[in-house]
Amino acid sequence: MSTRLQDQPWPQLLRWMCAVLLVCVAGLCQADTDHDRARRALEAGEILPLATVLQRVERDHAGQILDVELDREKDADSARWVYKIKLLRPGGALVKLKIDGRDGSLIDQKGKNRPVQR
């Protein structure tokens, strides 16, 4: 009785597991790259530390911080680091803030109810 390798279930399972592993590794590599870029920007003095930005947001805007992203936004002739912060206001309104990464100034604010300045 000869059994062909293709007829066995484990080669297909092994291929599936390898595919999943490759996707996971690619995601980790991208995350490391983003983290490294942010760390280099901080070390070069291009951005404020996240803790400093969050302290200012908490001081100036009522609500709970839900999410923070750091992006490099490029215009036609320049580029800048921007902290994008989602804030849940008392009462449930969601506000999205764009904070300049270099100096912590408010660039833009979107949401139905603007946050009350303290």
PDB file of N, CA and C in Angstrom:
ATOM      1  N   MET A   1       0.834  -1.173   0.000  1.00  0.00           N
ATOM      2  CA  MET A   1       0.000   0.000   0.000  1.00  0.00           C
ATOM      3  C   MET A   1       0.879   1.236   0.000  1.00  0.00           C
ATOM      4  N   SER A   2       0.881   1.946  -1.103  1.00  0.00           N
ATOM      5  CA  SER A   2       1.674   3.172  -1.138  1.00  0.00           C
ATOM      6  C   SER A   2       0.757   4.365  -0.898  1.00  0.00           C
ATOM      7  N   THR A   3       1.267   5.328  -0.145  1.00  0.00           N
ATOM      8  CA  THR A   3       0.497   6.529   0.172  1.00  0.00           C
ATOM      9  C   THR A   3       1.240   7.713  -0.392  1.00  0.00           C
ATOM     10  N   ARG A   4       0.562   8.449  -1.209  1.00  0.00           N
ATOM     11  CA  ARG A   4       1.194   9.623  -1.817  1.00  0.00           C
ATOM     12  C   ARG A   4       1.217  10.761  -0.810  1.00  0.00           C
ATOM     13  N   LEU A   5       2.288  11.562  -0.858  1.00  0.00           N
ATOM     14  CA  LEU A   5       2.459  12.687   0.067  1.00  0.00           C
ATOM     15  C   LEU A   5       1.343  13.722  -0.099  1.00  0.00           C
ATOM     16  N   GLN A   6       0.883  13.920  -1.346  1.00  0.00           N
ATOM     17  CA  GLN A   6      -0.159  14.914  -1.584  1.00  0.00           C
ATOM     18  C   GLN A   6      -1.494  14.510  -0.955  1.00  0.00           C
ATOM     19  N   ASP A   7      -1.698  13.232  -0.739  1.00  0.00           N
ATOM     20  CA  ASP A   7      -2.948  12.756  -0.168  1.00  0.00           C
ATOM     21  C   ASP A   7      -3.007  12.917   1.349  1.00  0.00           C
ATOM     22  N   GLN A   8      -1.881  13.196   1.959  1.00  0.00           N
ATOM     23  CA  GLN A   8      -1.831  13.372   3.404  1.00  0.00           C
ATOM     24  C   GLN A   8      -2.291  14.778   3.777  1.00  0.00           C
ATOM     25  N   PRO A   9      -3.046  14.949   4.880  1.00  0.00           N
ATOM     26  CA  PRO A   9      -3.551  16.274   5.253  1.00  0.00           C
ATOM     27  C   PRO A   9      -2.474  17.198   5.800  1.00  0.00           C
ATOM     28  N   TRP A  10      -1.384  16.701   6.348  1.00  0.00           N
ATOM     29  CA  TRP A  10      -0.421  17.574   7.007  1.00  0.00           C
ATOM     30  C   TRP A  10       0.338  18.485   6.058  1.00  0.00           C
ATOM     31  N   PRO A  11       0.646  18.107   4.793  1.00  0.00           N
ATOM     32  CA  PRO A  11       1.332  19.079   3.926  1.00  0.00           C
ATOM     33  C   PRO A  11       0.484  20.329   3.662  1.00  0.00           C
ATOM     34  N   GLN A  12      -0.813  20.133   3.508  1.00  0.00           N
ATOM     35  CA  GLN A  12      -1.693  21.283   3.290  1.00  0.00           C
ATOM     36  C   GLN A  12      -1.743  22.148   4.555  1.00  0.00           C
ATOM     37  N   LEU A  13      -1.812  21.526   5.707  1.00  0.00           N
ATOM     38  CA  LEU A  13      -1.807  22.247   6.973  1.00  0.00           C
ATOM     39  C   LEU A  13      -0.496  22.997   7.151  1.00  0.00           C
ATOM     40  N   LEU A  14       0.604  22.366   6.806  1.00  0.00           N
ATOM     41  CA  LEU A  14       1.920  23.004   6.913  1.00  0.00           C
ATOM     42  C   LEU A  14       2.006  24.232   6.006  1.00  0.00           C
ATOM     43  N   ARG A  15       1.499  24.124   4.783  1.00  0.00           N
ATOM     44  CA  ARG A  15       1.496  25.284   3.871  1.00  0.00           C
ATOM     45  C   ARG A  15       0.658  26.425   4.440  1.00  0.00           C
ATOM     46  N   TRP A  16      -0.504  26.095   5.007  1.00  0.00           N
ATOM     47  CA  TRP A  16      -1.376  27.103   5.598  1.00  0.00           C
ATOM     48  C   TRP A  16      -0.683  27.793   6.769  1.00  0.00           C
ATOM     49  N   MET A  17      -0.020  27.000   7.627  1.00  0.00           N
ATOM     50  CA  MET A  17       0.675  27.574   8.783  1.00  0.00           C
ATOM     51  C   MET A  17       1.830  28.479   8.342  1.00  0.00           C
ATOM     52  N   CYS A  18       2.543  28.093   7.311  1.00  0.00           N
ATOM     53  CA  CYS A  18       3.634  28.935   6.789  1.00  0.00           C
ATOM     54  C   CYS A  18       3.089  30.253   6.259  1.00  0.00           C
ATOM     55  N   ALA A  19       1.962  30.209   5.575  1.00  0.00           N
ATOM     56  CA  ALA A  19       1.360  31.442   5.054  1.00  0.00           C
ATOM     57  C   ALA A  19       0.961  32.380   6.189  1.00  0.00           C
ATOM     58  N   VAL A  20       0.359  31.841   7.234  1.00  0.00           N
ATOM     59  CA  VAL A  20      -0.031  32.644   8.392  1.00  0.00           C
ATOM     60  C   VAL A  20       1.203  33.237   9.060  1.00  0.00           C
ATOM     61  N   LEU A  21       2.236  32.444   9.216  1.00  0.00           N
ATOM     62  CA  LEU A  21       3.472  32.915   9.827  1.00  0.00           C
ATOM     63  C   LEU A  21       4.093  34.060   9.023  1.00  0.00           C
ATOM     64  N   LEU A  22       4.096  33.943   7.705  1.00  0.00           N
ATOM     65  CA  LEU A  22       4.641  35.008   6.866  1.00  0.00           C
ATOM     66  C   LEU A  22       3.859  36.311   7.021  1.00  0.00           C
ATOM     67  N   VAL A  23       2.548  36.219   7.104  1.00  0.00           N
ATOM     68  CA  VAL A  23       1.723  37.416   7.289  1.00  0.00           C
ATOM     69  C   VAL A  23       2.028  38.060   8.641  1.00  0.00           C
ATOM     70  N   CYS A  24       2.158  37.245   9.673  1.00  0.00           N
ATOM     71  CA  CYS A  24       2.457  37.781  11.008  1.00  0.00           C
ATOM     72  C   CYS A  24       3.829  38.447  11.047  1.00  0.00           C
ATOM     73  N   VAL A  25       4.820  37.826  10.455  1.00  0.00           N
ATOM     74  CA  VAL A  25       6.167  38.389  10.450  1.00  0.00           C
ATOM     75  C   VAL A  25       6.187  39.705   9.669  1.00  0.00           C
ATOM     76  N   ALA A  26       5.485  39.756   8.558  1.00  0.00           N
ATOM     77  CA  ALA A  26       5.431  41.002   7.779  1.00  0.00           C
ATOM     78  C   ALA A  26       4.804  42.117   8.599  1.00  0.00           C
ATOM     79  N   GLY A  27       3.764  41.813   9.367  1.00  0.00           N
ATOM     80  CA  GLY A  27       3.132  42.812  10.225  1.00  0.00           C
ATOM     81  C   GLY A  27       4.066  43.289  11.316  1.00  0.00           C
ATOM     82  N   LEU A  28       4.815  42.378  11.910  1.00  0.00           N
ATOM     83  CA  LEU A  28       5.765  42.765  12.953  1.00  0.00           C
ATOM     84  C   LEU A  28       6.880  43.633  12.395  1.00  0.00           C
ATOM     85  N   CYS A  29       7.357  43.314  11.217  1.00  0.00           N
ATOM     86  CA  CYS A  29       8.415  44.116  10.593  1.00  0.00           C
ATOM     87  C   CYS A  29       7.922  45.542  10.340  1.00  0.00           C
ATOM     88  N   GLN A  30       6.693  45.690   9.877  1.00  0.00           N
ATOM     89  CA  GLN A  30       6.140  47.017   9.636  1.00  0.00           C
ATOM     90  C   GLN A  30       6.002  47.783  10.938  1.00  0.00           C
ATOM     91  N   ALA A  31       5.541  47.124  11.991  1.00  0.00           N
ATOM     92  CA  ALA A  31       5.383  47.788  13.289  1.00  0.00           C
ATOM     93  C   ALA A  31       6.735  48.248  13.810  1.00  0.00           C
ATOM     94  N   ASP A  32       7.758  47.417  13.671  1.00  0.00           N
ATOM     95  CA  ASP A  32       9.094  47.814  14.108  1.00  0.00           C
ATOM     96  C   ASP A  32       9.572  49.026  13.330  1.00  0.00           C
ATOM     97  N   THR A  33       9.293  49.069  12.056  1.00  0.00           N
ATOM     98  CA  THR A  33       9.708  50.193  11.229  1.00  0.00           C
ATOM     99  C   THR A  33       9.036  51.474  11.688  1.00  0.00           C
ATOM    100  N   ASP A  34       7.727  51.436  11.953  1.00  0.00           N
ATOM    101  CA  ASP A  34       7.004  52.614  12.422  1.00  0.00           C
ATOM    102  C   ASP A  34       7.543  53.070  13.774  1.00  0.00           C
ATOM    103  N   HIS A  35       7.773  52.125  14.667  1.00  0.00           N
ATOM    104  CA  HIS A  35       8.300  52.458  15.988  1.00  0.00           C
ATOM    105  C   HIS A  35       9.692  53.074  15.871  1.00  0.00           C
ATOM    106  N   ASP A  36      10.509  52.490  15.034  1.00  0.00           N
ATOM    107  CA  ASP A  36      11.871  53.004  14.849  1.00  0.00           C
ATOM    108  C   ASP A  36      11.866  54.418  14.268  1.00  0.00           C
ATOM    109  N   ARG A  37      10.979  54.656  13.322  1.00  0.00           N
ATOM    110  CA  ARG A  37      10.878  56.004  12.729  1.00  0.00           C
ATOM    111  C   ARG A  37      10.470  57.021  13.783  1.00  0.00           C
ATOM    112  N   ALA A  38       9.515  56.663  14.624  1.00  0.00           N
ATOM    113  CA  ALA A  38       9.066  57.576  15.677  1.00  0.00           C
ATOM    114  C   ALA A  38      10.185  57.815  16.692  1.00  0.00           C
ATOM    115  N   ARG A  39      10.903  56.767  17.060  1.00  0.00           N
ATOM    116  CA  ARG A  39      12.003  56.911  18.017  1.00  0.00           C
ATOM    117  C   ARG A  39      13.107  57.803  17.452  1.00  0.00           C
ATOM    118  N   ARG A  40      13.435  57.600  16.185  1.00  0.00           N
ATOM    119  CA  ARG A  40      14.464  58.449  15.552  1.00  0.00           C
ATOM    120  C   ARG A  40      14.015  59.904  15.488  1.00  0.00           C
ATOM    121  N   ALA A  41      12.737  60.142  15.197  1.00  0.00           N
ATOM    122  CA  ALA A  41      12.213  61.513  15.149  1.00  0.00           C
ATOM    123  C   ALA A  41      12.301  62.165  16.524  1.00  0.00           C
ATOM    124  N   LEU A  42      12.004  61.420  17.566  1.00  0.00           N
ATOM    125  CA  LEU A  42      12.105  61.949  18.929  1.00  0.00           C
ATOM    126  C   LEU A  42      13.553  62.258  19.270  1.00  0.00           C
ATOM    127  N   GLU A  43      14.457  61.331  18.978  1.00  0.00           N
ATOM    128  CA  GLU A  43      15.877  61.533  19.277  1.00  0.00           C
ATOM    129  C   GLU A  43      16.464  62.706  18.497  1.00  0.00           C
ATOM    130  N   ALA A  44      15.944  62.958  17.301  1.00  0.00           N
ATOM    131  CA  ALA A  44      16.430  64.062  16.468  1.00  0.00           C
ATOM    132  C   ALA A  44      15.788  65.393  16.847  1.00  0.00           C
ATOM    133  N   GLY A  45      14.855  65.364  17.803  1.00  0.00           N
ATOM    134  CA  GLY A  45      14.189  66.593  18.214  1.00  0.00           C
ATOM    135  C   GLY A  45      13.115  67.061  17.244  1.00  0.00           C
ATOM    136  N   GLU A  46      12.647  66.163  16.379  1.00  0.00           N
ATOM    137  CA  GLU A  46      11.615  66.515  15.404  1.00  0.00           C
ATOM    138  C   GLU A  46      10.214  66.473  16.001  1.00  0.00           C
ATOM    139  N   ILE A  47      10.044  65.724  17.091  1.00  0.00           N
ATOM    140  CA  ILE A  47       8.731  65.618  17.734  1.00  0.00           C
ATOM    141  C   ILE A  47       8.876  65.724  19.245  1.00  0.00           C
ATOM    142  N   LEU A  48       7.788  66.126  19.879  1.00  0.00           N
ATOM    143  CA  LEU A  48       7.705  66.116  21.335  1.00  0.00           C
ATOM    144  C   LEU A  48       7.427  64.686  21.806  1.00  0.00           C
ATOM    145  N   PRO A  49       7.837  64.356  23.020  1.00  0.00           N
ATOM    146  CA  PRO A  49       7.477  63.035  23.556  1.00  0.00           C
ATOM    147  C   PRO A  49       5.960  62.901  23.668  1.00  0.00           C
ATOM    148  N   LEU A  50       5.474  61.700  23.492  1.00  0.00           N
ATOM    149  CA  LEU A  50       4.043  61.441  23.572  1.00  0.00           C
ATOM    150  C   LEU A  50       3.485  61.867  24.931  1.00  0.00           C
ATOM    151  N   ALA A  51       4.211  61.613  26.001  1.00  0.00           N
ATOM    152  CA  ALA A  51       3.740  61.987  27.338  1.00  0.00           C
ATOM    153  C   ALA A  51       3.480  63.486  27.429  1.00  0.00           C
ATOM    154  N   THR A  52       4.341  64.296  26.836  1.00  0.00           N
ATOM    155  CA  THR A  52       4.166  65.754  26.845  1.00  0.00           C
ATOM    156  C   THR A  52       2.907  66.149  26.084  1.00  0.00           C
ATOM    157  N   VAL A  53       2.705  65.546  24.925  1.00  0.00           N
ATOM    158  CA  VAL A  53       1.523  65.852  24.104  1.00  0.00           C
ATOM    159  C   VAL A  53       0.254  65.452  24.843  1.00  0.00           C
ATOM    160  N   LEU A  54       0.255  64.267  25.465  1.00  0.00           N
ATOM    161  CA  LEU A  54      -0.933  63.812  26.185  1.00  0.00           C
ATOM    162  C   LEU A  54      -1.238  64.689  27.394  1.00  0.00           C
ATOM    163  N   GLN A  55      -0.216  65.153  28.091  1.00  0.00           N
ATOM    164  CA  GLN A  55      -0.443  66.067  29.223  1.00  0.00           C
ATOM    165  C   GLN A  55      -1.118  67.348  28.753  1.00  0.00           C
ATOM    166  N   ARG A  56      -0.677  67.882  27.629  1.00  0.00           N
ATOM    167  CA  ARG A  56      -1.282  69.113  27.100  1.00  0.00           C
ATOM    168  C   ARG A  56      -2.720  68.883  26.669  1.00  0.00           C
ATOM    169  N   VAL A  57      -2.973  67.761  26.012  1.00  0.00           N
ATOM    170  CA  VAL A  57      -4.343  67.459  25.575  1.00  0.00           C
ATOM    171  C   VAL A  57      -5.250  67.316  26.785  1.00  0.00           C
ATOM    172  N   GLU A  58      -4.809  66.580  27.802  1.00  0.00           N
ATOM    173  CA  GLU A  58      -5.618  66.398  29.004  1.00  0.00           C
ATOM    174  C   GLU A  58      -5.852  67.716  29.732  1.00  0.00           C
ATOM    175  N   ARG A  59      -4.885  68.610  29.683  1.00  0.00           N
ATOM    176  CA  ARG A  59      -5.022  69.916  30.335  1.00  0.00           C
ATOM    177  C   ARG A  59      -6.006  70.809  29.573  1.00  0.00           C
ATOM    178  N   ASP A  60      -5.970  70.757  28.248  1.00  0.00           N
ATOM    179  CA  ASP A  60      -6.738  71.690  27.430  1.00  0.00           C
ATOM    180  C   ASP A  60      -8.090  71.171  26.944  1.00  0.00           C
ATOM    181  N   HIS A  61      -8.319  69.881  27.018  1.00  0.00           N
ATOM    182  CA  HIS A  61      -9.544  69.295  26.459  1.00  0.00           C
ATOM    183  C   HIS A  61     -10.145  68.304  27.443  1.00  0.00           C
ATOM    184  N   ALA A  62     -11.414  68.498  27.761  1.00  0.00           N
ATOM    185  CA  ALA A  62     -12.113  67.570  28.654  1.00  0.00           C
ATOM    186  C   ALA A  62     -12.422  66.291  27.889  1.00  0.00           C
ATOM    187  N   GLY A  63     -12.212  65.149  28.533  1.00  0.00           N
ATOM    188  CA  GLY A  63     -12.562  63.887  27.903  1.00  0.00           C
ATOM    189  C   GLY A  63     -11.520  62.817  28.144  1.00  0.00           C
ATOM    190  N   GLN A  64     -11.805  61.641  27.594  1.00  0.00           N
ATOM    191  CA  GLN A  64     -10.935  60.487  27.743  1.00  0.00           C
ATOM    192  C   GLN A  64     -10.268  60.187  26.405  1.00  0.00           C
ATOM    193  N   ILE A  65      -8.954  60.053  26.416  1.00  0.00           N
ATOM    194  CA  ILE A  65      -8.205  59.741  25.198  1.00  0.00           C
ATOM    195  C   ILE A  65      -8.413  58.268  24.870  1.00  0.00           C
ATOM    196  N   LEU A  66      -8.868  58.017  23.633  1.00  0.00           N
ATOM    197  CA  LEU A  66      -9.152  56.650  23.198  1.00  0.00           C
ATOM    198  C   LEU A  66      -8.062  56.063  22.320  1.00  0.00           C
ATOM    199  N   ASP A  67      -7.454  56.908  21.477  1.00  0.00           N
ATOM    200  CA  ASP A  67      -6.508  56.396  20.487  1.00  0.00           C
ATOM    201  C   ASP A  67      -5.524  57.490  20.117  1.00  0.00           C
ATOM    202  N   VAL A  68      -4.285  57.094  19.836  1.00  0.00           N
ATOM    203  CA  VAL A  68      -3.249  58.035  19.411  1.00  0.00           C
ATOM    204  C   VAL A  68      -2.483  57.416  18.254  1.00  0.00           C
ATOM    205  N   GLU A  69      -2.259  58.192  17.217  1.00  0.00           N
ATOM    206  CA  GLU A  69      -1.417  57.783  16.094  1.00  0.00           C
ATOM    207  C   GLU A  69      -0.406  58.886  15.828  1.00  0.00           C
ATOM    208  N   LEU A  70       0.743  58.503  15.318  1.00  0.00           N
ATOM    209  CA  LEU A  70       1.746  59.460  14.886  1.00  0.00           C
ATOM    210  C   LEU A  70       1.989  59.220  13.410  1.00  0.00           C
ATOM    211  N   ASP A  71       1.717  60.234  12.597  1.00  0.00           N
ATOM    212  CA  ASP A  71       1.864  60.111  11.150  1.00  0.00           C
ATOM    213  C   ASP A  71       2.778  61.196  10.618  1.00  0.00           C
ATOM    214  N   ARG A  72       3.391  60.895   9.509  1.00  0.00           N
ATOM    215  CA  ARG A  72       4.193  61.886   8.779  1.00  0.00           C
ATOM    216  C   ARG A  72       3.322  62.353   7.628  1.00  0.00           C
ATOM    217  N   GLU A  73       2.831  63.601   7.710  1.00  0.00           N
ATOM    218  CA  GLU A  73       1.971  64.152   6.656  1.00  0.00           C
ATOM    219  C   GLU A  73       2.806  64.995   5.717  1.00  0.00           C
ATOM    220  N   LYS A  74       2.607  64.766   4.436  1.00  0.00           N
ATOM    221  CA  LYS A  74       3.377  65.488   3.425  1.00  0.00           C
ATOM    222  C   LYS A  74       2.452  66.389   2.627  1.00  0.00           C
ATOM    223  N   ASP A  75       2.848  67.657   2.517  1.00  0.00           N
ATOM    224  CA  ASP A  75       2.165  68.609   1.648  1.00  0.00           C
ATOM    225  C   ASP A  75       2.963  68.709   0.358  1.00  0.00           C
ATOM    226  N   ALA A  76       2.568  69.619  -0.505  1.00  0.00           N
ATOM    227  CA  ALA A  76       3.257  69.794  -1.775  1.00  0.00           C
ATOM    228  C   ALA A  76       4.731  70.150  -1.586  1.00  0.00           C
ATOM    229  N   ASP A  77       5.038  70.982  -0.598  1.00  0.00           N
ATOM    230  CA  ASP A  77       6.413  71.443  -0.440  1.00  0.00           C
ATOM    231  C   ASP A  77       7.001  71.195   0.948  1.00  0.00           C
ATOM    232  N   SER A  78       6.307  70.476   1.818  1.00  0.00           N
ATOM    233  CA  SER A  78       6.852  70.231   3.154  1.00  0.00           C
ATOM    234  C   SER A  78       6.258  68.955   3.748  1.00  0.00           C
ATOM    235  N   ALA A  79       6.816  68.554   4.875  1.00  0.00           N
ATOM    236  CA  ALA A  79       6.306  67.388   5.615  1.00  0.00           C
ATOM    237  C   ALA A  79       6.416  67.694   7.098  1.00  0.00           C
ATOM    238  N   ARG A  80       5.476  67.147   7.867  1.00  0.00           N
ATOM    239  CA  ARG A  80       5.524  67.353   9.312  1.00  0.00           C
ATOM    240  C   ARG A  80       4.928  66.137  10.015  1.00  0.00           C
ATOM    241  N   TRP A  81       5.367  65.954  11.259  1.00  0.00           N
ATOM    242  CA  TRP A  81       4.836  64.905  12.107  1.00  0.00           C
ATOM    243  C   TRP A  81       3.561  65.411  12.768  1.00  0.00           C
ATOM    244  N   VAL A  82       2.544  64.552  12.801  1.00  0.00           N
ATOM    245  CA  VAL A  82       1.253  64.918  13.375  1.00  0.00           C
ATOM    246  C   VAL A  82       0.770  63.799  14.294  1.00  0.00           C
ATOM    247  N   TYR A  83       0.451  64.185  15.537  1.00  0.00           N
ATOM    248  CA  TYR A  83      -0.217  63.267  16.448  1.00  0.00           C
ATOM    249  C   TYR A  83      -1.708  63.370  16.163  1.00  0.00           C
ATOM    250  N   LYS A  84      -2.360  62.240  15.891  1.00  0.00           N
ATOM    251  CA  LYS A  84      -3.802  62.198  15.684  1.00  0.00           C
ATOM    252  C   LYS A  84      -4.411  61.518  16.910  1.00  0.00           C
ATOM    253  N   ILE A  85      -5.276  62.250  17.606  1.00  0.00           N
ATOM    254  CA  ILE A  85      -5.806  61.787  18.882  1.00  0.00           C
ATOM    255  C   ILE A  85      -7.328  61.754  18.833  1.00  0.00           C
ATOM    256  N   LYS A  86      -7.898  60.620  19.226  1.00  0.00           N
ATOM    257  CA  LYS A  86      -9.357  60.497  19.359  1.00  0.00           C
ATOM    258  C   LYS A  86      -9.681  60.670  20.826  1.00  0.00           C
ATOM    259  N   LEU A  87     -10.647  61.544  21.078  1.00  0.00           N
ATOM    260  CA  LEU A  87     -11.016  61.919  22.435  1.00  0.00           C
ATOM    261  C   LEU A  87     -12.518  61.731  22.605  1.00  0.00           C
ATOM    262  N   LEU A  88     -12.915  61.034  23.659  1.00  0.00           N
ATOM    263  CA  LEU A  88     -14.333  60.853  23.976  1.00  0.00           C
ATOM    264  C   LEU A  88     -14.719  61.870  25.039  1.00  0.00           C
ATOM    265  N   ARG A  89     -15.568  62.809  24.641  1.00  0.00           N
ATOM    266  CA  ARG A  89     -15.983  63.885  25.544  1.00  0.00           C
ATOM    267  C   ARG A  89     -17.032  63.387  26.530  1.00  0.00           C
ATOM    268  N   PRO A  90     -17.129  64.065  27.663  1.00  0.00           N
ATOM    269  CA  PRO A  90     -18.248  63.758  28.560  1.00  0.00           C
ATOM    270  C   PRO A  90     -19.558  63.950  27.774  1.00  0.00           C
ATOM    271  N   GLY A  91     -20.448  63.029  27.888  1.00  0.00           N
ATOM    272  CA  GLY A  91     -21.678  63.096  27.105  1.00  0.00           C
ATOM    273  C   GLY A  91     -21.615  62.227  25.868  1.00  0.00           C
ATOM    274  N   GLY A  92     -20.434  61.688  25.534  1.00  0.00           N
ATOM    275  CA  GLY A  92     -20.329  60.725  24.449  1.00  0.00           C
ATOM    276  C   GLY A  92     -19.889  61.225  23.092  1.00  0.00           C
ATOM    277  N   ALA A  93     -19.651  62.518  22.922  1.00  0.00           N
ATOM    278  CA  ALA A  93     -19.223  63.025  21.615  1.00  0.00           C
ATOM    279  C   ALA A  93     -17.775  62.615  21.350  1.00  0.00           C
ATOM    280  N   LEU A  94     -17.500  62.183  20.121  1.00  0.00           N
ATOM    281  CA  LEU A  94     -16.156  61.813  19.708  1.00  0.00           C
ATOM    282  C   LEU A  94     -15.514  63.002  19.002  1.00  0.00           C
ATOM    283  N   VAL A  95     -14.310  63.360  19.423  1.00  0.00           N
ATOM    284  CA  VAL A  95     -13.586  64.474  18.831  1.00  0.00           C
ATOM    285  C   VAL A  95     -12.242  63.950  18.340  1.00  0.00           C
ATOM    286  N   LYS A  96     -11.858  64.364  17.135  1.00  0.00           N
ATOM    287  CA  LYS A  96     -10.557  63.992  16.585  1.00  0.00           C
ATOM    288  C   LYS A  96      -9.671  65.233  16.540  1.00  0.00           C
ATOM    289  N   LEU A  97      -8.524  65.135  17.197  1.00  0.00           N
ATOM    290  CA  LEU A  97      -7.578  66.248  17.245  1.00  0.00           C
ATOM    291  C   LEU A  97      -6.361  65.927  16.406  1.00  0.00           C
ATOM    292  N   LYS A  98      -5.842  66.943  15.729  1.00  0.00           N
ATOM    293  CA  LYS A  98      -4.557  66.839  15.041  1.00  0.00           C
ATOM    294  C   LYS A  98      -3.618  67.805  15.743  1.00  0.00           C
ATOM    295  N   ILE A  99      -2.526  67.269  16.268  1.00  0.00           N
ATOM    296  CA  ILE A  99      -1.572  68.047  17.043  1.00  0.00           C
ATOM    297  C   ILE A  99      -0.232  68.043  16.310  1.00  0.00           C
ATOM    298  N   ASP A 100       0.359  69.221  16.142  1.00  0.00           N
ATOM    299  CA  ASP A 100       1.671  69.320  15.519  1.00  0.00           C
ATOM    300  C   ASP A 100       2.689  68.604  16.404  1.00  0.00           C
ATOM    301  N   GLY A 101       3.403  67.656  15.844  1.00  0.00           N
ATOM    302  CA  GLY A 101       4.356  66.872  16.604  1.00  0.00           C
ATOM    303  C   GLY A 101       5.554  67.662  17.095  1.00  0.00           C
ATOM    304  N   ARG A 102       5.907  68.732  16.386  1.00  0.00           N
ATOM    305  CA  ARG A 102       7.089  69.503  16.762  1.00  0.00           C
ATOM    306  C   ARG A 102       6.852  70.392  17.975  1.00  0.00           C
ATOM    307  N   ASP A 103       5.699  71.107  17.985  1.00  0.00           N
ATOM    308  CA  ASP A 103       5.487  72.082  19.063  1.00  0.00           C
ATOM    309  C   ASP A 103       4.235  71.836  19.906  1.00  0.00           C
ATOM    310  N   GLY A 104       3.441  70.829  19.553  1.00  0.00           N
ATOM    311  CA  GLY A 104       2.264  70.505  20.345  1.00  0.00           C
ATOM    312  C   GLY A 104       1.053  71.387  20.097  1.00  0.00           C
ATOM    313  N   SER A 105       1.106  72.227  19.079  1.00  0.00           N
ATOM    314  CA  SER A 105      -0.028  73.121  18.800  1.00  0.00           C
ATOM    315  C   SER A 105      -1.146  72.363  18.089  1.00  0.00           C
ATOM    316  N   LEU A 106      -2.368  72.833  18.307  1.00  0.00           N
ATOM    317  CA  LEU A 106      -3.539  72.231  17.684  1.00  0.00           C
ATOM    318  C   LEU A 106      -3.608  72.653  16.225  1.00  0.00           C
ATOM    319  N   ILE A 107      -3.616  71.684  15.322  1.00  0.00           N
ATOM    320  CA  ILE A 107      -3.711  71.954  13.883  1.00  0.00           C
ATOM    321  C   ILE A 107      -5.166  71.948  13.450  1.00  0.00           C
ATOM    322  N   ASP A 108      -5.910  70.923  13.913  1.00  0.00           N
ATOM    323  CA  ASP A 108      -7.290  70.761  13.474  1.00  0.00           C
ATOM    324  C   ASP A 108      -8.051  69.972  14.529  1.00  0.00           C
ATOM    325  N   GLN A 109      -9.363  70.155  14.498  1.00  0.00           N
ATOM    326  CA  GLN A 109     -10.240  69.484  15.448  1.00  0.00           C
ATOM    327  C   GLN A 109     -11.548  69.201  14.741  1.00  0.00           C
ATOM    328  N   LYS A 110     -11.975  67.939  14.772  1.00  0.00           N
ATOM    329  CA  LYS A 110     -13.223  67.560  14.114  1.00  0.00           C
ATOM    330  C   LYS A 110     -14.101  66.807  15.091  1.00  0.00           C
ATOM    331  N   GLY A 111     -15.388  67.022  14.963  1.00  0.00           N
ATOM    332  CA  GLY A 111     -16.370  66.347  15.802  1.00  0.00           C
ATOM    333  C   GLY A 111     -17.614  67.194  15.888  1.00  0.00           C
ATOM    334  N   LYS A 112     -18.705  66.573  16.286  1.00  0.00           N
ATOM    335  CA  LYS A 112     -19.960  67.321  16.375  1.00  0.00           C
ATOM    336  C   LYS A 112     -19.905  68.405  17.434  1.00  0.00           C
ATOM    337  N   ASN A 113     -19.358  68.053  18.583  1.00  0.00           N
ATOM    338  CA  ASN A 113     -19.265  69.019  19.671  1.00  0.00           C
ATOM    339  C   ASN A 113     -17.809  69.326  19.935  1.00  0.00           C
ATOM    340  N   ARG A 114     -17.432  70.541  19.767  1.00  0.00           N
ATOM    341  CA  ARG A 114     -16.045  70.942  20.041  1.00  0.00           C
ATOM    342  C   ARG A 114     -15.788  70.817  21.530  1.00  0.00           C
ATOM    343  N   PRO A 115     -14.577  70.388  21.939  1.00  0.00           N
ATOM    344  CA  PRO A 115     -14.287  70.265  23.360  1.00  0.00           C
ATOM    345  C   PRO A 115     -14.288  71.616  24.061  1.00  0.00           C
ATOM    346  N   VAL A 116     -14.726  71.594  25.281  1.00  0.00           N
ATOM    347  CA  VAL A 116     -14.719  72.807  26.104  1.00  0.00           C
ATOM    348  C   VAL A 116     -13.293  73.044  26.585  1.00  0.00           C
ATOM    349  N   GLN A 117     -12.789  74.231  26.378  1.00  0.00           N
ATOM    350  CA  GLN A 117     -11.448  74.570  26.854  1.00  0.00           C
ATOM    351  C   GLN A 117     -11.491  74.762  28.356  1.00  0.00           C
ATOM    352  N   ARG A 118     -10.569  74.180  29.072  1.00  0.00           N
ATOM    353  CA  ARG A 118     -10.516  74.340  30.527  1.00  0.00           C
ATOM    354  C   ARG A 118      -9.735  75.574  30.863  1.00  0.00           C
TER     355      ARG A 118
END
